[in-house]
Amino acid sequence: MRVDPLAPGAIAPVEVDGHECVVWRGFNGRLGSAPRFCPHLDSDLAEGYVDGDELVCAGHGWAFDGRGNVYKRNEFGRVDSKGTVIALTFEEVGDAIEVASAGHDGDLPS
């Protein structure tokens, strides 16, 4: 599957191997991915925002590092791991992003 180029801070919904996901480009240029819906309360991550190179859920602020790790940061700077989620593998081909496949399925409860 191919995705159009993404500018830094942009988020795009994709479906790969039956998984609804989002792909984003961090402000450092790195691509990241996460499931389309946040495992916390099912907020649509396509409506989230990019902070640095992480995608942040607009619902309750869970952060996705794009490699399958999920965190919650509190107002005092503490970072709590929330487990792992599916991650995609990418390759940039010319002006497009080639989504190769879904990676691990993560360990968050359904």
C-alpha atoms as a PDB file:
ATOM      1  CA  MET A   1       0.000   0.000   0.000  1.00  0.00           C
ATOM      2  CA  ARG A   2       1.198   3.507  -0.780  1.00  0.00           C
ATOM      3  CA  VAL A   3       0.558   6.718   1.140  1.00  0.00           C
ATOM      4  CA  ASP A   4       1.015  10.207  -0.300  1.00  0.00           C
ATOM      5  CA  PRO A   5       3.933  12.217   1.077  1.00  0.00           C
ATOM      6  CA  LEU A   6       3.419  13.611   4.556  1.00  0.00           C
ATOM      7  CA  ALA A   7       4.676  16.967   5.754  1.00  0.00           C
ATOM      8  CA  PRO A   8       6.069  17.173   9.299  1.00  0.00           C
ATOM      9  CA  GLY A   9       3.135  17.104  11.729  1.00  0.00           C
ATOM     10  CA  ALA A  10       0.743  15.501   9.216  1.00  0.00           C
ATOM     11  CA  ILE A  11      -1.312  12.380  10.078  1.00  0.00           C
ATOM     12  CA  ALA A  12      -2.924  10.002   7.555  1.00  0.00           C
ATOM     13  CA  PRO A  13      -5.294   7.073   8.178  1.00  0.00           C
ATOM     14  CA  VAL A  14      -4.385   3.816   6.375  1.00  0.00           C
ATOM     15  CA  GLU A  15      -5.559   0.216   6.329  1.00  0.00           C
ATOM     16  CA  VAL A  16      -2.924  -2.523   6.086  1.00  0.00           C
ATOM     17  CA  ASP A  17      -3.533  -6.258   6.311  1.00  0.00           C
ATOM     18  CA  GLY A  18      -6.982  -5.607   7.782  1.00  0.00           C
ATOM     19  CA  HIS A  19      -5.629  -3.244  10.476  1.00  0.00           C
ATOM     20  CA  GLU A  20      -6.865   0.354  10.627  1.00  0.00           C
ATOM     21  CA  CYS A  21      -3.835   2.491  11.446  1.00  0.00           C
ATOM     22  CA  VAL A  22      -2.500   6.022  11.254  1.00  0.00           C
ATOM     23  CA  VAL A  23       0.838   7.127   9.830  1.00  0.00           C
ATOM     24  CA  TRP A  24       2.460  10.440  10.738  1.00  0.00           C
ATOM     25  CA  ARG A  25       5.656  12.340  10.147  1.00  0.00           C
ATOM     26  CA  GLY A  26       7.368  13.754  13.199  1.00  0.00           C
ATOM     27  CA  PHE A  27       9.017  17.146  13.149  1.00  0.00           C
ATOM     28  CA  ASN A  28      12.393  15.392  12.951  1.00  0.00           C
ATOM     29  CA  GLY A  29      11.268  13.810   9.641  1.00  0.00           C
ATOM     30  CA  ARG A  30      10.772  10.282  11.022  1.00  0.00           C
ATOM     31  CA  LEU A  31       7.656   8.315  10.095  1.00  0.00           C
ATOM     32  CA  GLY A  32       5.609   6.650  12.818  1.00  0.00           C
ATOM     33  CA  SER A  33       2.492   4.511  13.045  1.00  0.00           C
ATOM     34  CA  ALA A  34      -0.120   3.418  15.561  1.00  0.00           C
ATOM     35  CA  PRO A  35      -3.554   1.834  15.484  1.00  0.00           C
ATOM     36  CA  ARG A  36      -6.279   4.162  14.168  1.00  0.00           C
ATOM     37  CA  PHE A  37      -8.118   4.117  17.480  1.00  0.00           C
ATOM     38  CA  CYS A  38      -6.512   4.731  20.861  1.00  0.00           C
ATOM     39  CA  PRO A  39      -6.586   1.608  23.051  1.00  0.00           C
ATOM     40  CA  HIS A  40      -7.517   3.749  26.052  1.00  0.00           C
ATOM     41  CA  LEU A  41     -11.006   4.969  25.075  1.00  0.00           C
ATOM     42  CA  ASP A  42     -11.177   4.480  21.276  1.00  0.00           C
ATOM     43  CA  SER A  43     -10.502   8.098  20.320  1.00  0.00           C
ATOM     44  CA  ASP A  44      -9.654   8.457  16.623  1.00  0.00           C
ATOM     45  CA  LEU A  45      -5.897   9.053  16.465  1.00  0.00           C
ATOM     46  CA  ALA A  46      -6.287  10.618  13.001  1.00  0.00           C
ATOM     47  CA  GLU A  47      -7.689  13.550  15.021  1.00  0.00           C
ATOM     48  CA  GLY A  48      -4.668  13.604  17.367  1.00  0.00           C
ATOM     49  CA  TYR A  49      -1.619  15.841  17.030  1.00  0.00           C
ATOM     50  CA  VAL A  50       2.111  15.410  16.553  1.00  0.00           C
ATOM     51  CA  ASP A  51       4.379  16.607  19.367  1.00  0.00           C
ATOM     52  CA  GLY A  52       8.035  16.324  18.388  1.00  0.00           C
ATOM     53  CA  ASP A  53       8.081  12.908  16.751  1.00  0.00           C
ATOM     54  CA  GLU A  54       5.261  11.355  18.822  1.00  0.00           C
ATOM     55  CA  LEU A  55       1.545  11.190  18.070  1.00  0.00           C
ATOM     56  CA  VAL A  56      -0.597  12.339  20.989  1.00  0.00           C
ATOM     57  CA  CYS A  57      -4.216  11.285  21.427  1.00  0.00           C
ATOM     58  CA  ALA A  58      -6.495  14.317  21.662  1.00  0.00           C
ATOM     59  CA  GLY A  59      -8.757  12.362  24.045  1.00  0.00           C
ATOM     60  CA  HIS A  60      -6.581  11.858  27.126  1.00  0.00           C
ATOM     61  CA  GLY A  61      -3.026  12.566  26.030  1.00  0.00           C
ATOM     62  CA  TRP A  62      -1.629   9.081  25.521  1.00  0.00           C
ATOM     63  CA  ALA A  63       1.554   9.362  23.411  1.00  0.00           C
ATOM     64  CA  PHE A  64       2.626   6.912  20.681  1.00  0.00           C
ATOM     65  CA  ASP A  65       6.300   6.766  19.706  1.00  0.00           C
ATOM     66  CA  GLY A  66       5.630   5.285  16.252  1.00  0.00           C
ATOM     67  CA  ARG A  67       7.515   2.085  16.984  1.00  0.00           C
ATOM     68  CA  GLY A  68       4.777   0.427  19.031  1.00  0.00           C
ATOM     69  CA  ASN A  69       5.345   1.944  22.485  1.00  0.00           C
ATOM     70  CA  VAL A  70       2.603   3.870  24.288  1.00  0.00           C
ATOM     71  CA  TYR A  71       3.073   6.301  27.194  1.00  0.00           C
ATOM     72  CA  LYS A  72       1.105   8.656  29.390  1.00  0.00           C
ATOM     73  CA  ARG A  73       2.895  11.763  30.631  1.00  0.00           C
ATOM     74  CA  ASN A  74       1.476  13.612  33.601  1.00  0.00           C
ATOM     75  CA  GLU A  75       1.745  17.309  34.419  1.00  0.00           C
ATOM     76  CA  PHE A  76       4.752  16.654  36.687  1.00  0.00           C
ATOM     77  CA  GLY A  77       6.790  15.052  33.912  1.00  0.00           C
ATOM     78  CA  ARG A  78       6.369  11.443  35.010  1.00  0.00           C
ATOM     79  CA  VAL A  79       6.125   8.992  32.099  1.00  0.00           C
ATOM     80  CA  ASP A  80       4.094   5.798  32.594  1.00  0.00           C
ATOM     81  CA  SER A  81       4.286   3.008  30.038  1.00  0.00           C
ATOM     82  CA  LYS A  82       0.889   1.862  28.789  1.00  0.00           C
ATOM     83  CA  GLY A  83       2.163  -1.161  26.825  1.00  0.00           C
ATOM     84  CA  THR A  84       2.674  -1.701  23.136  1.00  0.00           C
ATOM     85  CA  VAL A  85       0.499  -1.556  20.030  1.00  0.00           C
ATOM     86  CA  ILE A  86       0.753  -2.600  16.395  1.00  0.00           C
ATOM     87  CA  ALA A  87       3.455  -0.840  14.374  1.00  0.00           C
ATOM     88  CA  LEU A  88       3.956  -0.680  10.607  1.00  0.00           C
ATOM     89  CA  THR A  89       7.115  -0.997   8.536  1.00  0.00           C
ATOM     90  CA  PHE A  90       7.778   1.714   5.924  1.00  0.00           C
ATOM     91  CA  GLU A  91       9.945   2.511   2.984  1.00  0.00           C
ATOM     92  CA  GLU A  92       9.947   5.866   1.234  1.00  0.00           C
ATOM     93  CA  VAL A  93       9.862   5.317  -2.531  1.00  0.00           C
ATOM     94  CA  GLY A  94      10.241   8.485  -4.565  1.00  0.00           C
ATOM     95  CA  ASP A  95       7.462  10.821  -3.473  1.00  0.00           C
ATOM     96  CA  ALA A  96       5.381   8.130  -1.775  1.00  0.00           C
ATOM     97  CA  ILE A  97       5.505   6.128   1.427  1.00  0.00           C
ATOM     98  CA  GLU A  98       5.344   2.372   0.910  1.00  0.00           C
ATOM     99  CA  VAL A  99       3.714   0.644   3.861  1.00  0.00           C
ATOM    100  CA  ALA A 100       5.271  -2.815   3.838  1.00  0.00           C
ATOM    101  CA  SER A 101       3.331  -4.639   6.546  1.00  0.00           C
ATOM    102  CA  ALA A 102       1.950  -4.633  10.032  1.00  0.00           C
ATOM    103  CA  GLY A 103       4.550  -5.352  12.687  1.00  0.00           C
ATOM    104  CA  HIS A 104       3.921  -6.835  16.123  1.00  0.00           C
ATOM    105  CA  ASP A 105       0.389  -6.801  17.506  1.00  0.00           C
ATOM    106  CA  GLY A 106       1.311  -5.259  20.847  1.00  0.00           C
ATOM    107  CA  ASP A 107       0.272  -6.398  24.285  1.00  0.00           C
ATOM    108  CA  LEU A 108      -2.543  -4.082  25.285  1.00  0.00           C
ATOM    109  CA  PRO A 109      -5.741  -5.830  26.365  1.00  0.00           C
ATOM    110  CA  SER A 110      -8.649  -5.783  23.921  1.00  0.00           C
END
